[in-house]
Amino acid sequence: MKSPAGLTALILVSAVALASAGVLSAQTTAPPGDAKHGQQLFLADGCYECHDLQGQGLGRRGPGQNPGPNLAPAPIPYTAFVAQLRKPRVAMPPYSALLVSDAEAADLYAYLVSQPPVRPAQSIALLANVDTGEGAGVTRGREVYYANCAQCHGASGAGGSIGPSLIGESAKKDLNATIAFIKNPAAPMTKLSPGLLDDADVAAVAGYVQSLH
């Protein structure tokens, strides 16, 4: 049987350990993490199956799509990340501290933070001097389209497994009508604005759709 002094010491040690764990989980800024180990965890724990290998999920369910939302680059604040990890919303399974420790959560977050931002085409040497004969607005519209619309409507806009063809859409809708439809689409099209697309993105992608012939 432990002496009163020994029992008191054990209680104090346990209290400090619990308090430290609580502080770690409640941190407002991300603690230092090992991005390389985070990558290993991201694969081992199956995160990539919904969020893609670099955390760049589409947030859509469909053939060959990743249903988890985009996590990188620039992931959500660390406290929100941990809250979602422990008590997730929607269909994500919970990851308690028994499955993913606080230290491992920090490693996962470090991996997401380490993902480089997407480089604009103009910054890539092989593409910088390519003259497409198009204005900057159409170029930006194409970038938005490829990132958010091609999965359903096809890379060329000729239609995909879900979305119809957009070729010749300008004969059915003018630019303003196309913008209005993107902002308030009919089912089953996903509503992307506001949220994923701001007004400038909507205008750019609408202009690109208008250019498809």
C-alpha atoms as a PDB file:
ATOM      1  CA  MET A   1       0.000   0.000   0.000  1.00  0.00           C
ATOM      2  CA  LYS A   2       1.333   3.420  -0.941  1.00  0.00           C
ATOM      3  CA  SER A   3       2.180   5.910   1.810  1.00  0.00           C
ATOM      4  CA  PRO A   4       0.127   9.151   2.033  1.00  0.00           C
ATOM      5  CA  ALA A   5       3.108  11.070   0.684  1.00  0.00           C
ATOM      6  CA  GLY A   6       3.498   8.683  -2.237  1.00  0.00           C
ATOM      7  CA  LEU A   7      -0.208   8.777  -3.008  1.00  0.00           C
ATOM      8  CA  THR A   8      -0.181  12.574  -2.958  1.00  0.00           C
ATOM      9  CA  ALA A   9       2.756  12.652  -5.354  1.00  0.00           C
ATOM     10  CA  LEU A  10       0.968  10.240  -7.713  1.00  0.00           C
ATOM     11  CA  ILE A  11      -2.152  12.411  -7.688  1.00  0.00           C
ATOM     12  CA  LEU A  12      -0.103  15.535  -8.424  1.00  0.00           C
ATOM     13  CA  VAL A  13       1.712  13.858 -11.318  1.00  0.00           C
ATOM     14  CA  SER A  14      -1.586  12.641 -12.797  1.00  0.00           C
ATOM     15  CA  ALA A  15      -3.146  16.080 -12.452  1.00  0.00           C
ATOM     16  CA  VAL A  16      -0.205  17.748 -14.198  1.00  0.00           C
ATOM     17  CA  ALA A  17      -0.346  15.194 -17.022  1.00  0.00           C
ATOM     18  CA  LEU A  18      -4.068  15.722 -17.544  1.00  0.00           C
ATOM     19  CA  ALA A  19      -3.705  19.480 -17.410  1.00  0.00           C
ATOM     20  CA  SER A  20      -0.856  19.374 -19.927  1.00  0.00           C
ATOM     21  CA  ALA A  21      -2.934  17.258 -22.321  1.00  0.00           C
ATOM     22  CA  GLY A  22      -5.822  19.692 -22.002  1.00  0.00           C
ATOM     23  CA  VAL A  23      -3.607  22.659 -22.712  1.00  0.00           C
ATOM     24  CA  LEU A  24      -2.159  20.935 -25.788  1.00  0.00           C
ATOM     25  CA  SER A  25      -5.602  20.182 -27.187  1.00  0.00           C
ATOM     26  CA  ALA A  26      -6.803  23.724 -26.499  1.00  0.00           C
ATOM     27  CA  GLN A  27      -3.854  25.546 -28.039  1.00  0.00           C
ATOM     28  CA  THR A  28      -4.814  28.449 -30.252  1.00  0.00           C
ATOM     29  CA  THR A  29      -1.635  28.176 -32.308  1.00  0.00           C
ATOM     30  CA  ALA A  30      -0.267  24.979 -33.774  1.00  0.00           C
ATOM     31  CA  PRO A  31       2.552  23.379 -31.774  1.00  0.00           C
ATOM     32  CA  PRO A  32       5.704  22.360 -33.638  1.00  0.00           C
ATOM     33  CA  GLY A  33       5.085  19.227 -35.655  1.00  0.00           C
ATOM     34  CA  ASP A  34       6.991  16.799 -37.855  1.00  0.00           C
ATOM     35  CA  ALA A  35       5.636  17.228 -41.404  1.00  0.00           C
ATOM     36  CA  LYS A  36       7.331  14.050 -42.651  1.00  0.00           C
ATOM     37  CA  HIS A  37       5.734  11.976 -39.898  1.00  0.00           C
ATOM     38  CA  GLY A  38       2.482  13.800 -40.562  1.00  0.00           C
ATOM     39  CA  GLN A  39       2.587  12.622 -44.167  1.00  0.00           C
ATOM     40  CA  GLN A  40       3.058   9.036 -43.000  1.00  0.00           C
ATOM     41  CA  LEU A  41       0.072   9.385 -40.657  1.00  0.00           C
ATOM     42  CA  PHE A  42      -2.015  11.013 -43.400  1.00  0.00           C
ATOM     43  CA  LEU A  43      -1.524   7.872 -45.488  1.00  0.00           C
ATOM     44  CA  ALA A  44      -1.642   5.298 -42.684  1.00  0.00           C
ATOM     45  CA  ASP A  45      -4.818   6.704 -41.123  1.00  0.00           C
ATOM     46  CA  GLY A  46      -6.597   6.856 -44.480  1.00  0.00           C
ATOM     47  CA  CYS A  47      -6.970  10.658 -44.575  1.00  0.00           C
ATOM     48  CA  TYR A  48      -5.891  10.669 -48.210  1.00  0.00           C
ATOM     49  CA  GLU A  49      -8.876   8.555 -49.230  1.00  0.00           C
ATOM     50  CA  CYS A  50     -11.207  11.514 -48.729  1.00  0.00           C
ATOM     51  CA  HIS A  51      -8.878  14.516 -48.788  1.00  0.00           C
ATOM     52  CA  ASP A  52      -6.465  13.514 -51.586  1.00  0.00           C
ATOM     53  CA  LEU A  53      -2.752  12.842 -51.127  1.00  0.00           C
ATOM     54  CA  GLN A  54      -1.871  16.502 -50.537  1.00  0.00           C
ATOM     55  CA  GLY A  55      -5.027  17.392 -48.649  1.00  0.00           C
ATOM     56  CA  GLN A  56      -6.571  18.975 -51.738  1.00  0.00           C
ATOM     57  CA  GLY A  57      -9.906  17.181 -51.708  1.00  0.00           C
ATOM     58  CA  LEU A  58     -12.809  18.329 -53.838  1.00  0.00           C
ATOM     59  CA  GLY A  59     -15.552  18.030 -51.264  1.00  0.00           C
ATOM     60  CA  ARG A  60     -17.723  16.130 -53.772  1.00  0.00           C
ATOM     61  CA  ARG A  61     -18.903  12.546 -53.954  1.00  0.00           C
ATOM     62  CA  GLY A  62     -18.675  10.892 -57.347  1.00  0.00           C
ATOM     63  CA  PRO A  63     -16.618   8.434 -59.407  1.00  0.00           C
ATOM     64  CA  GLY A  64     -12.957   9.147 -58.867  1.00  0.00           C
ATOM     65  CA  GLN A  65     -13.642  12.164 -56.631  1.00  0.00           C
ATOM     66  CA  ASN A  66     -12.471  12.912 -53.102  1.00  0.00           C
ATOM     67  CA  PRO A  67     -15.457  13.741 -50.866  1.00  0.00           C
ATOM     68  CA  GLY A  68     -13.414  15.444 -48.148  1.00  0.00           C
ATOM     69  CA  PRO A  69     -12.998  19.228 -48.311  1.00  0.00           C
ATOM     70  CA  ASN A  70      -9.771  20.963 -49.258  1.00  0.00           C
ATOM     71  CA  LEU A  71      -7.326  21.105 -46.330  1.00  0.00           C
ATOM     72  CA  ALA A  72      -4.198  22.504 -47.951  1.00  0.00           C
ATOM     73  CA  PRO A  73      -2.449  24.721 -48.601  1.00  0.00           C
ATOM     74  CA  ALA A  74      -3.379  27.141 -45.794  1.00  0.00           C
ATOM     75  CA  PRO A  75      -5.445  24.753 -43.631  1.00  0.00           C
ATOM     76  CA  ILE A  76      -8.091  25.907 -41.178  1.00  0.00           C
ATOM     77  CA  PRO A  77      -6.857  27.241 -37.789  1.00  0.00           C
ATOM     78  CA  TYR A  78      -5.298  24.598 -35.571  1.00  0.00           C
ATOM     79  CA  THR A  79      -8.002  24.705 -32.892  1.00  0.00           C
ATOM     80  CA  ALA A  80     -10.697  24.170 -35.527  1.00  0.00           C
ATOM     81  CA  PHE A  81      -8.616  21.374 -37.063  1.00  0.00           C
ATOM     82  CA  VAL A  82      -8.354  19.543 -33.730  1.00  0.00           C
ATOM     83  CA  ALA A  83     -12.059  20.099 -32.977  1.00  0.00           C
ATOM     84  CA  GLN A  84     -13.027  18.591 -36.338  1.00  0.00           C
ATOM     85  CA  LEU A  85     -10.606  15.713 -35.822  1.00  0.00           C
ATOM     86  CA  ARG A  86     -12.035  14.841 -32.389  1.00  0.00           C
ATOM     87  CA  LYS A  87     -15.742  15.589 -32.935  1.00  0.00           C
ATOM     88  CA  PRO A  88     -16.246  15.856 -36.701  1.00  0.00           C
ATOM     89  CA  ARG A  89     -19.262  17.184 -38.500  1.00  0.00           C
ATOM     90  CA  VAL A  90     -21.044  15.308 -41.300  1.00  0.00           C
ATOM     91  CA  ALA A  91     -19.626  11.907 -42.345  1.00  0.00           C
ATOM     92  CA  MET A  92     -16.029  12.035 -41.124  1.00  0.00           C
ATOM     93  CA  PRO A  93     -15.211   9.387 -38.462  1.00  0.00           C
ATOM     94  CA  PRO A  94     -13.961  10.700 -35.095  1.00  0.00           C
ATOM     95  CA  TYR A  95     -10.293  10.335 -34.184  1.00  0.00           C
ATOM     96  CA  SER A  96      -9.932  10.295 -30.406  1.00  0.00           C
ATOM     97  CA  ALA A  97      -6.617  10.822 -28.643  1.00  0.00           C
ATOM     98  CA  LEU A  98      -6.357   7.027 -28.409  1.00  0.00           C
ATOM     99  CA  LEU A  99      -6.251   6.816 -32.214  1.00  0.00           C
ATOM    100  CA  VAL A 100      -4.423  10.079 -32.972  1.00  0.00           C
ATOM    101  CA  SER A 101      -2.518  11.666 -30.102  1.00  0.00           C
ATOM    102  CA  ASP A 102      -2.141  15.415 -29.701  1.00  0.00           C
ATOM    103  CA  ALA A 103       1.460  15.129 -30.903  1.00  0.00           C
ATOM    104  CA  GLU A 104       0.314  13.212 -33.981  1.00  0.00           C
ATOM    105  CA  ALA A 105      -2.404  15.808 -34.634  1.00  0.00           C
ATOM    106  CA  ALA A 106       0.341  18.443 -34.631  1.00  0.00           C
ATOM    107  CA  ASP A 107       2.329  16.338 -37.121  1.00  0.00           C
ATOM    108  CA  LEU A 108      -0.703  16.000 -39.407  1.00  0.00           C
ATOM    109  CA  TYR A 109      -1.256  19.747 -39.265  1.00  0.00           C
ATOM    110  CA  ALA A 110       2.425  20.398 -39.995  1.00  0.00           C
ATOM    111  CA  TYR A 111       2.126  18.232 -43.107  1.00  0.00           C
ATOM    112  CA  LEU A 112      -0.853  20.242 -44.363  1.00  0.00           C
ATOM    113  CA  VAL A 113       0.914  23.533 -43.645  1.00  0.00           C
ATOM    114  CA  SER A 114       3.969  22.295 -45.569  1.00  0.00           C
ATOM    115  CA  GLN A 115       2.042  21.949 -48.825  1.00  0.00           C
ATOM    116  CA  PRO A 116       3.149  24.628 -51.320  1.00  0.00           C
ATOM    117  CA  PRO A 117       0.582  26.993 -52.814  1.00  0.00           C
ATOM    118  CA  VAL A 118      -0.465  26.484 -56.410  1.00  0.00           C
ATOM    119  CA  ARG A 119       1.826  28.393 -58.737  1.00  0.00           C
ATOM    120  CA  PRO A 120       0.250  30.658 -61.339  1.00  0.00           C
ATOM    121  CA  ALA A 121       0.956  29.569 -64.899  1.00  0.00           C
ATOM    122  CA  GLN A 122       2.828  32.811 -65.612  1.00  0.00           C
ATOM    123  CA  SER A 123       5.451  31.906 -62.986  1.00  0.00           C
ATOM    124  CA  ILE A 124       6.355  28.627 -64.725  1.00  0.00           C
ATOM    125  CA  ALA A 125       9.136  29.134 -67.246  1.00  0.00           C
ATOM    126  CA  LEU A 126       7.729  26.719 -69.828  1.00  0.00           C
ATOM    127  CA  LEU A 127       4.360  28.473 -69.772  1.00  0.00           C
ATOM    128  CA  ALA A 128       5.319  32.093 -69.174  1.00  0.00           C
ATOM    129  CA  ASN A 129       5.866  32.912 -72.846  1.00  0.00           C
ATOM    130  CA  VAL A 130       3.034  30.862 -74.293  1.00  0.00           C
ATOM    131  CA  ASP A 131       0.713  33.104 -76.265  1.00  0.00           C
ATOM    132  CA  THR A 132      -2.775  31.684 -76.260  1.00  0.00           C
ATOM    133  CA  GLY A 133      -4.258  34.741 -77.915  1.00  0.00           C
ATOM    134  CA  GLU A 134      -6.670  35.112 -75.015  1.00  0.00           C
ATOM    135  CA  GLY A 135      -7.158  37.826 -72.458  1.00  0.00           C
ATOM    136  CA  ALA A 136      -6.237  37.456 -68.796  1.00  0.00           C
ATOM    137  CA  GLY A 137      -9.917  37.088 -67.884  1.00  0.00           C
ATOM    138  CA  VAL A 138     -10.402  34.002 -70.045  1.00  0.00           C
ATOM    139  CA  THR A 139      -7.132  32.527 -68.735  1.00  0.00           C
ATOM    140  CA  ARG A 140      -8.281  33.026 -65.147  1.00  0.00           C
ATOM    141  CA  GLY A 141     -11.686  31.625 -66.017  1.00  0.00           C
ATOM    142  CA  ARG A 142     -10.104  28.477 -67.402  1.00  0.00           C
ATOM    143  CA  GLU A 143      -8.095  28.020 -64.190  1.00  0.00           C
ATOM    144  CA  VAL A 144     -11.252  28.320 -62.088  1.00  0.00           C
ATOM    145  CA  TYR A 145     -13.076  25.951 -64.445  1.00  0.00           C
ATOM    146  CA  TYR A 146     -10.390  23.253 -64.297  1.00  0.00           C
ATOM    147  CA  ALA A 147     -10.244  23.459 -60.496  1.00  0.00           C
ATOM    148  CA  ASN A 148     -13.979  23.435 -59.819  1.00  0.00           C
ATOM    149  CA  CYS A 149     -16.057  22.466 -62.875  1.00  0.00           C
ATOM    150  CA  ALA A 150     -14.119  20.047 -65.073  1.00  0.00           C
ATOM    151  CA  GLN A 151     -14.846  17.117 -62.764  1.00  0.00           C
ATOM    152  CA  CYS A 152     -18.527  17.239 -63.767  1.00  0.00           C
ATOM    153  CA  HIS A 153     -18.551  18.975 -67.156  1.00  0.00           C
ATOM    154  CA  GLY A 154     -15.362  17.490 -68.636  1.00  0.00           C
ATOM    155  CA  ALA A 155     -11.984  19.081 -69.275  1.00  0.00           C
ATOM    156  CA  SER A 156     -13.132  20.572 -72.596  1.00  0.00           C
ATOM    157  CA  GLY A 157     -16.644  21.451 -71.399  1.00  0.00           C
ATOM    158  CA  ALA A 158     -18.167  18.765 -73.609  1.00  0.00           C
ATOM    159  CA  GLY A 159     -19.867  17.048 -70.683  1.00  0.00           C
ATOM    160  CA  GLY A 160     -18.867  14.469 -68.121  1.00  0.00           C
ATOM    161  CA  SER A 161     -20.322  11.689 -66.011  1.00  0.00           C
ATOM    162  CA  ILE A 162     -22.572  14.143 -64.148  1.00  0.00           C
ATOM    163  CA  GLY A 163     -22.638  17.566 -65.785  1.00  0.00           C
ATOM    164  CA  PRO A 164     -24.002  18.319 -69.246  1.00  0.00           C
ATOM    165  CA  SER A 165     -22.048  19.835 -72.118  1.00  0.00           C
ATOM    166  CA  LEU A 166     -21.395  23.559 -71.886  1.00  0.00           C
ATOM    167  CA  ILE A 167     -20.368  23.918 -75.517  1.00  0.00           C
ATOM    168  CA  GLY A 168     -22.488  26.638 -77.106  1.00  0.00           C
ATOM    169  CA  GLU A 169     -23.918  27.730 -73.749  1.00  0.00           C
ATOM    170  CA  SER A 170     -23.601  31.350 -74.906  1.00  0.00           C
ATOM    171  CA  ALA A 171     -26.485  30.701 -77.344  1.00  0.00           C
ATOM    172  CA  LYS A 172     -28.742  29.872 -74.376  1.00  0.00           C
ATOM    173  CA  LYS A 173     -27.572  32.383 -71.766  1.00  0.00           C
ATOM    174  CA  ASP A 174     -25.769  35.692 -71.895  1.00  0.00           C
ATOM    175  CA  LEU A 175     -22.945  36.493 -69.469  1.00  0.00           C
ATOM    176  CA  ASN A 176     -25.208  37.881 -66.744  1.00  0.00           C
ATOM    177  CA  ALA A 177     -27.527  34.883 -66.932  1.00  0.00           C
ATOM    178  CA  THR A 178     -24.561  32.518 -66.722  1.00  0.00           C
ATOM    179  CA  ILE A 179     -23.260  34.338 -63.647  1.00  0.00           C
ATOM    180  CA  ALA A 180     -26.704  34.181 -62.041  1.00  0.00           C
ATOM    181  CA  PHE A 181     -26.973  30.447 -62.728  1.00  0.00           C
ATOM    182  CA  ILE A 182     -23.555  29.711 -61.210  1.00  0.00           C
ATOM    183  CA  LYS A 183     -24.512  31.609 -58.078  1.00  0.00           C
ATOM    184  CA  ASN A 184     -27.915  29.897 -57.808  1.00  0.00           C
ATOM    185  CA  PRO A 185     -27.695  26.630 -59.758  1.00  0.00           C
ATOM    186  CA  ALA A 186     -30.393  24.070 -60.314  1.00  0.00           C
ATOM    187  CA  ALA A 187     -29.908  20.594 -58.856  1.00  0.00           C
ATOM    188  CA  PRO A 188     -27.821  18.518 -59.078  1.00  0.00           C
ATOM    189  CA  MET A 189     -25.190  21.214 -59.667  1.00  0.00           C
ATOM    190  CA  THR A 190     -23.252  22.169 -56.539  1.00  0.00           C
ATOM    191  CA  LYS A 191     -23.583  25.723 -55.227  1.00  0.00           C
ATOM    192  CA  LEU A 192     -20.033  27.056 -55.242  1.00  0.00           C
ATOM    193  CA  SER A 193     -20.685  30.695 -54.423  1.00  0.00           C
ATOM    194  CA  PRO A 194     -20.394  32.181 -51.916  1.00  0.00           C
ATOM    195  CA  GLY A 195     -17.882  29.802 -50.448  1.00  0.00           C
ATOM    196  CA  LEU A 196     -15.408  28.266 -52.846  1.00  0.00           C
ATOM    197  CA  LEU A 197     -15.791  31.000 -55.474  1.00  0.00           C
ATOM    198  CA  ASP A 198     -15.940  34.743 -54.896  1.00  0.00           C
ATOM    199  CA  ASP A 199     -17.638  37.184 -57.277  1.00  0.00           C
ATOM    200  CA  ALA A 200     -14.466  37.629 -59.348  1.00  0.00           C
ATOM    201  CA  ASP A 201     -14.073  33.861 -59.752  1.00  0.00           C
ATOM    202  CA  VAL A 202     -17.722  33.499 -60.796  1.00  0.00           C
ATOM    203  CA  ALA A 203     -17.410  36.263 -63.364  1.00  0.00           C
ATOM    204  CA  ALA A 204     -14.166  34.755 -64.716  1.00  0.00           C
ATOM    205  CA  VAL A 205     -15.509  31.217 -65.067  1.00  0.00           C
ATOM    206  CA  ALA A 206     -18.772  32.503 -66.562  1.00  0.00           C
ATOM    207  CA  GLY A 207     -16.738  34.365 -69.190  1.00  0.00           C
ATOM    208  CA  TYR A 208     -14.798  31.209 -69.918  1.00  0.00           C
ATOM    209  CA  VAL A 209     -17.988  29.170 -70.320  1.00  0.00           C
ATOM    210  CA  GLN A 210     -19.268  31.829 -72.721  1.00  0.00           C
ATOM    211  CA  SER A 211     -16.138  31.282 -74.825  1.00  0.00           C
ATOM    212  CA  LEU A 212     -16.773  27.543 -75.319  1.00  0.00           C
ATOM    213  CA  HIS A 213     -17.896  26.834 -78.898  1.00  0.00           C
END
